[in-house]
């Protein structure tokens, strides 16, 4: 019996030590500076509330921490989409005025690696801005810093909540600089290749309700495909022998 008790104590201590190492992993670098913050290109700034109750529609498998909204919305309980959430939400411009709406689908990624400080989610946005056009965003998001700095402290709090000021990028790729891929749909964005970065700004988080004081910020850099092609055409190969 004493050997079993020793084994259980050892396993508990090992699990606790592993959790501490993962939480305070010194090799994980916070990503707070947007790769698009120093761009000279034209950018589009959009924001939205990350609270499910502020969305037109928010749904998931119905068993996750965040409850679907409204309550009678269809749930994604089928096996193929069980790890997926979807939201339809209003988007605002940089002045806080209504700019359009967006539809976002997010699915847990199989490439998540806690040892590397990666809690990955694959997501796509379909954004429609009535006065400008539509665009599509494909990205991989990393919620490691968000979970470490907000979610875990909320669970450790006696009040089961977190309050403070936190801002961080969640876009993790697939762009080489950690940016999202964006394709123009129609209107002003037709025929344009773009990059984007999504960030979260948090003030309050509840264990019971999830992000209650969290807003999302999407920054899209406009880069014309024609300009990229013209630049590549200017670089001509040098004939051999010259």
C-alpha atoms as a PDB file:
ATOM      1  CA  UNK A   1       0.000   0.000   0.000  1.00  0.00           C
ATOM      2  CA  UNK A   2       2.814   2.374   0.843  1.00  0.00           C
ATOM      3  CA  UNK A   3       4.356   1.767  -2.596  1.00  0.00           C
ATOM      4  CA  UNK A   4       1.082   2.690  -4.265  1.00  0.00           C
ATOM      5  CA  UNK A   5       0.852   5.848  -2.162  1.00  0.00           C
ATOM      6  CA  UNK A   6       4.440   6.744  -3.072  1.00  0.00           C
ATOM      7  CA  UNK A   7       3.662   6.153  -6.747  1.00  0.00           C
ATOM      8  CA  UNK A   8       0.583   8.402  -6.604  1.00  0.00           C
ATOM      9  CA  UNK A   9       2.497  11.144  -4.778  1.00  0.00           C
ATOM     10  CA  UNK A  10       5.302  10.929  -7.310  1.00  0.00           C
ATOM     11  CA  UNK A  11       2.882  11.148 -10.230  1.00  0.00           C
ATOM     12  CA  UNK A  12       1.152  14.147  -8.649  1.00  0.00           C
ATOM     13  CA  UNK A  13       4.436  15.946  -8.021  1.00  0.00           C
ATOM     14  CA  UNK A  14       5.596  15.191 -11.560  1.00  0.00           C
ATOM     15  CA  UNK A  15       2.371  16.514 -13.069  1.00  0.00           C
ATOM     16  CA  UNK A  16       2.590  19.645 -10.905  1.00  0.00           C
ATOM     17  CA  UNK A  17       6.223  20.221 -11.918  1.00  0.00           C
ATOM     18  CA  UNK A  18       5.334  19.780 -15.602  1.00  0.00           C
ATOM     19  CA  UNK A  19       2.467  22.272 -15.271  1.00  0.00           C
ATOM     20  CA  UNK A  20       4.799  24.827 -13.666  1.00  0.00           C
ATOM     21  CA  UNK A  21       7.409  24.364 -16.405  1.00  0.00           C
ATOM     22  CA  UNK A  22       4.791  24.783 -19.137  1.00  0.00           C
ATOM     23  CA  UNK A  23       3.254  27.844 -17.481  1.00  0.00           C
ATOM     24  CA  UNK A  24       6.566  29.635 -16.897  1.00  0.00           C
ATOM     25  CA  UNK A  25       8.308  28.342 -20.024  1.00  0.00           C
ATOM     26  CA  UNK A  26      11.115  30.907 -20.611  1.00  0.00           C
ATOM     27  CA  UNK A  27      11.454  29.919 -24.263  1.00  0.00           C
ATOM     28  CA  UNK A  28       7.938  31.112 -25.152  1.00  0.00           C
ATOM     29  CA  UNK A  29       8.028  34.688 -26.422  1.00  0.00           C
ATOM     30  CA  UNK A  30       4.998  36.957 -26.139  1.00  0.00           C
ATOM     31  CA  UNK A  31       3.723  38.371 -29.442  1.00  0.00           C
ATOM     32  CA  UNK A  32       2.456  41.852 -28.602  1.00  0.00           C
ATOM     33  CA  UNK A  33       3.780  43.879 -31.556  1.00  0.00           C
ATOM     34  CA  UNK A  34       1.811  43.594 -34.773  1.00  0.00           C
ATOM     35  CA  UNK A  35       3.899  42.884 -37.906  1.00  0.00           C
ATOM     36  CA  UNK A  36       1.709  45.465 -39.680  1.00  0.00           C
ATOM     37  CA  UNK A  37       2.306  48.256 -37.163  1.00  0.00           C
ATOM     38  CA  UNK A  38       5.176  49.673 -39.234  1.00  0.00           C
ATOM     39  CA  UNK A  39       3.723  49.190 -42.721  1.00  0.00           C
ATOM     40  CA  UNK A  40       3.592  52.061 -45.214  1.00  0.00           C
ATOM     41  CA  UNK A  41       0.626  50.555 -47.065  1.00  0.00           C
ATOM     42  CA  UNK A  42      -3.002  51.519 -46.577  1.00  0.00           C
ATOM     43  CA  UNK A  43      -4.641  49.566 -43.767  1.00  0.00           C
ATOM     44  CA  UNK A  44      -8.223  48.815 -42.748  1.00  0.00           C
ATOM     45  CA  UNK A  45      -8.991  48.650 -39.016  1.00  0.00           C
ATOM     46  CA  UNK A  46     -12.035  46.684 -37.842  1.00  0.00           C
ATOM     47  CA  UNK A  47     -13.185  45.747 -34.340  1.00  0.00           C
ATOM     48  CA  UNK A  48     -15.853  43.549 -32.765  1.00  0.00           C
ATOM     49  CA  UNK A  49     -16.983  42.330 -29.352  1.00  0.00           C
ATOM     50  CA  UNK A  50     -15.720  38.836 -28.496  1.00  0.00           C
ATOM     51  CA  UNK A  51     -18.567  38.251 -26.021  1.00  0.00           C
ATOM     52  CA  UNK A  52     -20.979  35.644 -27.361  1.00  0.00           C
ATOM     53  CA  UNK A  53     -23.983  37.645 -26.131  1.00  0.00           C
ATOM     54  CA  UNK A  54     -22.919  40.611 -28.299  1.00  0.00           C
ATOM     55  CA  UNK A  55     -22.930  38.521 -31.492  1.00  0.00           C
ATOM     56  CA  UNK A  56     -25.924  38.159 -33.763  1.00  0.00           C
ATOM     57  CA  UNK A  57     -25.294  34.403 -33.608  1.00  0.00           C
ATOM     58  CA  UNK A  58     -22.721  32.346 -31.722  1.00  0.00           C
ATOM     59  CA  UNK A  59     -22.774  28.562 -31.659  1.00  0.00           C
ATOM     60  CA  UNK A  60     -20.610  25.567 -30.805  1.00  0.00           C
ATOM     61  CA  UNK A  61     -21.163  21.979 -29.633  1.00  0.00           C
ATOM     62  CA  UNK A  62     -23.405  23.186 -26.800  1.00  0.00           C
ATOM     63  CA  UNK A  63     -21.151  21.627 -24.143  1.00  0.00           C
ATOM     64  CA  UNK A  64     -18.273  24.110 -24.221  1.00  0.00           C
ATOM     65  CA  UNK A  65     -17.646  26.781 -21.623  1.00  0.00           C
ATOM     66  CA  UNK A  66     -19.272  29.526 -23.702  1.00  0.00           C
ATOM     67  CA  UNK A  67     -22.981  28.948 -24.242  1.00  0.00           C
ATOM     68  CA  UNK A  68     -24.498  29.417 -27.734  1.00  0.00           C
ATOM     69  CA  UNK A  69     -26.387  32.652 -28.388  1.00  0.00           C
ATOM     70  CA  UNK A  70     -29.303  32.969 -28.770  1.00  0.00           C
ATOM     71  CA  UNK A  71     -30.231  29.978 -26.642  1.00  0.00           C
ATOM     72  CA  UNK A  72     -32.232  28.181 -29.362  1.00  0.00           C
ATOM     73  CA  UNK A  73     -29.608  28.474 -32.111  1.00  0.00           C
ATOM     74  CA  UNK A  74     -28.657  25.174 -33.771  1.00  0.00           C
ATOM     75  CA  UNK A  75     -25.577  23.569 -32.201  1.00  0.00           C
ATOM     76  CA  UNK A  76     -22.577  22.012 -33.949  1.00  0.00           C
ATOM     77  CA  UNK A  77     -22.716  18.615 -32.256  1.00  0.00           C
ATOM     78  CA  UNK A  78     -21.911  16.434 -35.305  1.00  0.00           C
ATOM     79  CA  UNK A  79     -18.511  14.652 -34.960  1.00  0.00           C
ATOM     80  CA  UNK A  80     -16.968  16.433 -37.959  1.00  0.00           C
ATOM     81  CA  UNK A  81     -17.632  19.919 -36.534  1.00  0.00           C
ATOM     82  CA  UNK A  82     -17.725  19.196 -32.810  1.00  0.00           C
ATOM     83  CA  UNK A  83     -14.502  21.147 -32.216  1.00  0.00           C
ATOM     84  CA  UNK A  84     -15.765  24.114 -34.251  1.00  0.00           C
ATOM     85  CA  UNK A  85     -17.414  27.375 -33.233  1.00  0.00           C
ATOM     86  CA  UNK A  86     -19.131  29.918 -35.466  1.00  0.00           C
ATOM     87  CA  UNK A  87     -20.171  33.507 -34.959  1.00  0.00           C
ATOM     88  CA  UNK A  88     -21.896  36.246 -36.930  1.00  0.00           C
ATOM     89  CA  UNK A  89     -21.056  39.646 -35.515  1.00  0.00           C
ATOM     90  CA  UNK A  90     -21.147  43.339 -36.295  1.00  0.00           C
ATOM     91  CA  UNK A  91     -17.884  45.049 -37.228  1.00  0.00           C
ATOM     92  CA  UNK A  92     -16.898  48.625 -36.432  1.00  0.00           C
ATOM     93  CA  UNK A  93     -14.359  50.928 -38.081  1.00  0.00           C
ATOM     94  CA  UNK A  94     -11.559  52.841 -36.381  1.00  0.00           C
ATOM     95  CA  UNK A  95     -13.975  55.598 -35.322  1.00  0.00           C
ATOM     96  CA  UNK A  96     -16.379  53.172 -33.674  1.00  0.00           C
ATOM     97  CA  UNK A  97     -19.027  53.453 -36.399  1.00  0.00           C
ATOM     98  CA  UNK A  98     -20.774  50.403 -37.852  1.00  0.00           C
ATOM     99  CA  UNK A  99     -18.794  49.209 -40.877  1.00  0.00           C
ATOM    100  CA  UNK A 100     -20.353  45.850 -41.768  1.00  0.00           C
ATOM    101  CA  UNK A 101     -20.525  42.322 -40.451  1.00  0.00           C
ATOM    102  CA  UNK A 102     -18.332  39.245 -40.327  1.00  0.00           C
ATOM    103  CA  UNK A 103     -18.823  35.486 -40.195  1.00  0.00           C
ATOM    104  CA  UNK A 104     -16.073  33.529 -38.442  1.00  0.00           C
ATOM    105  CA  UNK A 105     -15.533  29.777 -38.213  1.00  0.00           C
ATOM    106  CA  UNK A 106     -12.897  28.489 -35.769  1.00  0.00           C
ATOM    107  CA  UNK A 107     -11.710  24.900 -35.227  1.00  0.00           C
ATOM    108  CA  UNK A 108      -9.204  23.461 -32.754  1.00  0.00           C
ATOM    109  CA  UNK A 109      -5.978  22.575 -34.550  1.00  0.00           C
ATOM    110  CA  UNK A 110      -4.313  19.165 -34.344  1.00  0.00           C
ATOM    111  CA  UNK A 111      -0.949  20.983 -34.434  1.00  0.00           C
ATOM    112  CA  UNK A 112      -1.361  22.330 -30.888  1.00  0.00           C
ATOM    113  CA  UNK A 113       1.813  21.795 -28.831  1.00  0.00           C
ATOM    114  CA  UNK A 114       1.881  22.887 -25.192  1.00  0.00           C
ATOM    115  CA  UNK A 115       5.620  22.223 -25.000  1.00  0.00           C
ATOM    116  CA  UNK A 116       6.131  24.838 -27.707  1.00  0.00           C
ATOM    117  CA  UNK A 117       3.695  27.284 -26.148  1.00  0.00           C
ATOM    118  CA  UNK A 118       1.083  26.797 -28.854  1.00  0.00           C
ATOM    119  CA  UNK A 119      -2.669  26.466 -28.355  1.00  0.00           C
ATOM    120  CA  UNK A 120      -3.638  26.655 -31.999  1.00  0.00           C
ATOM    121  CA  UNK A 121      -6.949  27.330 -33.690  1.00  0.00           C
ATOM    122  CA  UNK A 122      -7.565  27.413 -37.456  1.00  0.00           C
ATOM    123  CA  UNK A 123     -10.089  30.034 -38.484  1.00  0.00           C
ATOM    124  CA  UNK A 124     -11.585  31.805 -41.477  1.00  0.00           C
ATOM    125  CA  UNK A 125     -13.402  35.130 -41.697  1.00  0.00           C
ATOM    126  CA  UNK A 126     -15.876  36.219 -44.374  1.00  0.00           C
ATOM    127  CA  UNK A 127     -16.159  39.977 -43.986  1.00  0.00           C
ATOM    128  CA  UNK A 128     -18.649  42.158 -45.826  1.00  0.00           C
ATOM    129  CA  UNK A 129     -18.388  45.960 -45.714  1.00  0.00           C
ATOM    130  CA  UNK A 130     -21.422  47.384 -47.609  1.00  0.00           C
ATOM    131  CA  UNK A 131     -19.669  50.533 -48.812  1.00  0.00           C
ATOM    132  CA  UNK A 132     -16.379  48.847 -49.758  1.00  0.00           C
ATOM    133  CA  UNK A 133     -16.803  45.164 -50.649  1.00  0.00           C
ATOM    134  CA  UNK A 134     -15.990  41.755 -49.212  1.00  0.00           C
ATOM    135  CA  UNK A 135     -12.857  39.865 -48.268  1.00  0.00           C
ATOM    136  CA  UNK A 136     -11.814  36.480 -46.891  1.00  0.00           C
ATOM    137  CA  UNK A 137      -9.259  35.883 -44.136  1.00  0.00           C
ATOM    138  CA  UNK A 138      -7.524  32.551 -43.461  1.00  0.00           C
ATOM    139  CA  UNK A 139      -5.349  32.248 -40.390  1.00  0.00           C
ATOM    140  CA  UNK A 140      -3.948  30.110 -37.613  1.00  0.00           C
ATOM    141  CA  UNK A 141      -4.384  31.615 -34.148  1.00  0.00           C
ATOM    142  CA  UNK A 142      -2.314  30.983 -31.029  1.00  0.00           C
ATOM    143  CA  UNK A 143      -4.111  31.412 -27.699  1.00  0.00           C
ATOM    144  CA  UNK A 144      -1.186  30.435 -25.453  1.00  0.00           C
ATOM    145  CA  UNK A 145      -0.524  33.919 -24.039  1.00  0.00           C
ATOM    146  CA  UNK A 146      -4.257  34.568 -23.709  1.00  0.00           C
ATOM    147  CA  UNK A 147      -4.741  31.347 -21.746  1.00  0.00           C
ATOM    148  CA  UNK A 148      -1.659  31.858 -19.577  1.00  0.00           C
ATOM    149  CA  UNK A 149      -2.281  35.519 -18.736  1.00  0.00           C
ATOM    150  CA  UNK A 150      -6.097  35.548 -18.495  1.00  0.00           C
ATOM    151  CA  UNK A 151      -7.814  32.155 -18.424  1.00  0.00           C
ATOM    152  CA  UNK A 152      -5.549  30.426 -15.885  1.00  0.00           C
ATOM    153  CA  UNK A 153      -5.535  33.410 -13.459  1.00  0.00           C
ATOM    154  CA  UNK A 154      -9.347  33.503 -13.703  1.00  0.00           C
ATOM    155  CA  UNK A 155      -9.583  29.866 -12.598  1.00  0.00           C
ATOM    156  CA  UNK A 156      -7.082  30.505  -9.807  1.00  0.00           C
ATOM    157  CA  UNK A 157      -9.018  33.548  -8.572  1.00  0.00           C
ATOM    158  CA  UNK A 158     -11.345  33.134  -5.610  1.00  0.00           C
ATOM    159  CA  UNK A 159     -14.015  35.001  -7.556  1.00  0.00           C
ATOM    160  CA  UNK A 160     -13.562  32.843 -10.701  1.00  0.00           C
ATOM    161  CA  UNK A 161     -12.862  35.890 -12.855  1.00  0.00           C
ATOM    162  CA  UNK A 162     -10.064  38.045 -14.177  1.00  0.00           C
ATOM    163  CA  UNK A 163      -9.936  41.832 -14.511  1.00  0.00           C
ATOM    164  CA  UNK A 164      -7.142  43.952 -15.896  1.00  0.00           C
ATOM    165  CA  UNK A 165      -5.758  45.341 -19.139  1.00  0.00           C
ATOM    166  CA  UNK A 166      -4.310  42.945 -21.722  1.00  0.00           C
ATOM    167  CA  UNK A 167      -3.558  43.318 -25.431  1.00  0.00           C
ATOM    168  CA  UNK A 168      -1.966  40.691 -27.629  1.00  0.00           C
ATOM    169  CA  UNK A 169      -1.882  39.344 -31.161  1.00  0.00           C
ATOM    170  CA  UNK A 170      -3.461  35.948 -31.728  1.00  0.00           C
ATOM    171  CA  UNK A 171      -2.572  35.550 -35.428  1.00  0.00           C
ATOM    172  CA  UNK A 172       0.179  32.944 -35.806  1.00  0.00           C
ATOM    173  CA  UNK A 173       0.280  32.435 -39.556  1.00  0.00           C
ATOM    174  CA  UNK A 174       0.247  31.022 -42.184  1.00  0.00           C
ATOM    175  CA  UNK A 175       2.193  34.061 -43.435  1.00  0.00           C
ATOM    176  CA  UNK A 176       5.972  33.964 -42.998  1.00  0.00           C
ATOM    177  CA  UNK A 177       5.859  36.948 -40.619  1.00  0.00           C
ATOM    178  CA  UNK A 178       3.002  35.520 -38.578  1.00  0.00           C
ATOM    179  CA  UNK A 179       0.280  37.212 -40.602  1.00  0.00           C
ATOM    180  CA  UNK A 180      -2.979  35.904 -42.037  1.00  0.00           C
ATOM    181  CA  UNK A 181      -3.698  35.401 -45.735  1.00  0.00           C
ATOM    182  CA  UNK A 182      -6.420  37.633 -47.139  1.00  0.00           C
ATOM    183  CA  UNK A 183      -8.155  37.446 -50.532  1.00  0.00           C
ATOM    184  CA  UNK A 184     -10.397  40.172 -51.869  1.00  0.00           C
ATOM    185  CA  UNK A 185     -13.917  39.200 -52.833  1.00  0.00           C
ATOM    186  CA  UNK A 186     -15.615  42.047 -54.647  1.00  0.00           C
ATOM    187  CA  UNK A 187     -15.965  45.814 -54.641  1.00  0.00           C
ATOM    188  CA  UNK A 188     -12.895  47.816 -53.666  1.00  0.00           C
ATOM    189  CA  UNK A 189     -11.065  44.645 -52.588  1.00  0.00           C
ATOM    190  CA  UNK A 190     -11.525  42.704 -55.842  1.00  0.00           C
ATOM    191  CA  UNK A 191      -8.209  41.520 -57.334  1.00  0.00           C
ATOM    192  CA  UNK A 192      -6.172  42.380 -54.229  1.00  0.00           C
ATOM    193  CA  UNK A 193      -3.876  40.127 -52.220  1.00  0.00           C
ATOM    194  CA  UNK A 194      -3.626  41.225 -48.612  1.00  0.00           C
ATOM    195  CA  UNK A 195      -2.273  40.373 -45.183  1.00  0.00           C
ATOM    196  CA  UNK A 196      -3.966  40.770 -41.823  1.00  0.00           C
ATOM    197  CA  UNK A 197      -3.388  40.445 -38.092  1.00  0.00           C
ATOM    198  CA  UNK A 198      -6.038  39.836 -35.450  1.00  0.00           C
ATOM    199  CA  UNK A 199      -5.548  40.901 -31.838  1.00  0.00           C
ATOM    200  CA  UNK A 200      -7.553  40.705 -28.623  1.00  0.00           C
ATOM    201  CA  UNK A 201      -7.983  43.492 -26.083  1.00  0.00           C
ATOM    202  CA  UNK A 202      -9.215  42.162 -22.730  1.00  0.00           C
ATOM    203  CA  UNK A 203     -10.535  43.859 -19.592  1.00  0.00           C
ATOM    204  CA  UNK A 204     -12.667  41.130 -17.992  1.00  0.00           C
ATOM    205  CA  UNK A 205     -12.994  37.349 -18.210  1.00  0.00           C
ATOM    206  CA  UNK A 206     -15.374  35.045 -16.343  1.00  0.00           C
ATOM    207  CA  UNK A 207     -14.977  31.312 -15.759  1.00  0.00           C
ATOM    208  CA  UNK A 208     -18.742  30.923 -16.094  1.00  0.00           C
ATOM    209  CA  UNK A 209     -19.300  33.061 -19.210  1.00  0.00           C
ATOM    210  CA  UNK A 210     -15.898  33.308 -20.895  1.00  0.00           C
ATOM    211  CA  UNK A 211     -14.798  36.641 -22.454  1.00  0.00           C
ATOM    212  CA  UNK A 212     -17.234  39.217 -21.069  1.00  0.00           C
ATOM    213  CA  UNK A 213     -15.016  42.261 -21.569  1.00  0.00           C
ATOM    214  CA  UNK A 214     -12.936  41.271 -24.587  1.00  0.00           C
ATOM    215  CA  UNK A 215     -12.873  42.888 -28.022  1.00  0.00           C
ATOM    216  CA  UNK A 216     -11.234  41.732 -31.225  1.00  0.00           C
ATOM    217  CA  UNK A 217      -9.259  43.985 -33.553  1.00  0.00           C
ATOM    218  CA  UNK A 218      -8.541  43.111 -37.184  1.00  0.00           C
ATOM    219  CA  UNK A 219      -5.917  45.044 -39.151  1.00  0.00           C
ATOM    220  CA  UNK A 220      -5.836  44.404 -42.898  1.00  0.00           C
ATOM    221  CA  UNK A 221      -2.981  45.670 -45.062  1.00  0.00           C
ATOM    222  CA  UNK A 222      -4.014  46.402 -48.639  1.00  0.00           C
ATOM    223  CA  UNK A 223      -1.439  45.197 -51.162  1.00  0.00           C
ATOM    224  CA  UNK A 224      -2.399  45.119 -54.806  1.00  0.00           C
ATOM    225  CA  UNK A 225      -1.651  41.934 -56.716  1.00  0.00           C
ATOM    226  CA  UNK A 226      -0.855  44.011 -59.816  1.00  0.00           C
ATOM    227  CA  UNK A 227       1.872  45.869 -57.912  1.00  0.00           C
ATOM    228  CA  UNK A 228       3.491  42.624 -56.749  1.00  0.00           C
ATOM    229  CA  UNK A 229       3.431  41.256 -60.293  1.00  0.00           C
ATOM    230  CA  UNK A 230       4.950  44.442 -61.740  1.00  0.00           C
ATOM    231  CA  UNK A 231       7.766  44.328 -59.196  1.00  0.00           C
ATOM    232  CA  UNK A 232       8.558  40.706 -60.051  1.00  0.00           C
ATOM    233  CA  UNK A 233       8.498  41.458 -63.793  1.00  0.00           C
ATOM    234  CA  UNK A 234      11.111  44.199 -63.342  1.00  0.00           C
ATOM    235  CA  UNK A 235      13.605  41.614 -62.113  1.00  0.00           C
ATOM    236  CA  UNK A 236      14.785  39.996 -65.334  1.00  0.00           C
ATOM    237  CA  UNK A 237      17.192  37.016 -65.328  1.00  0.00           C
ATOM    238  CA  UNK A 238      20.682  37.812 -66.522  1.00  0.00           C
ATOM    239  CA  UNK A 239      21.547  35.827 -69.683  1.00  0.00           C
ATOM    240  CA  UNK A 240      24.419  33.415 -69.289  1.00  0.00           C
ATOM    241  CA  UNK A 241      27.740  34.620 -70.623  1.00  0.00           C
ATOM    242  CA  UNK A 242      27.190  38.307 -69.798  1.00  0.00           C
END
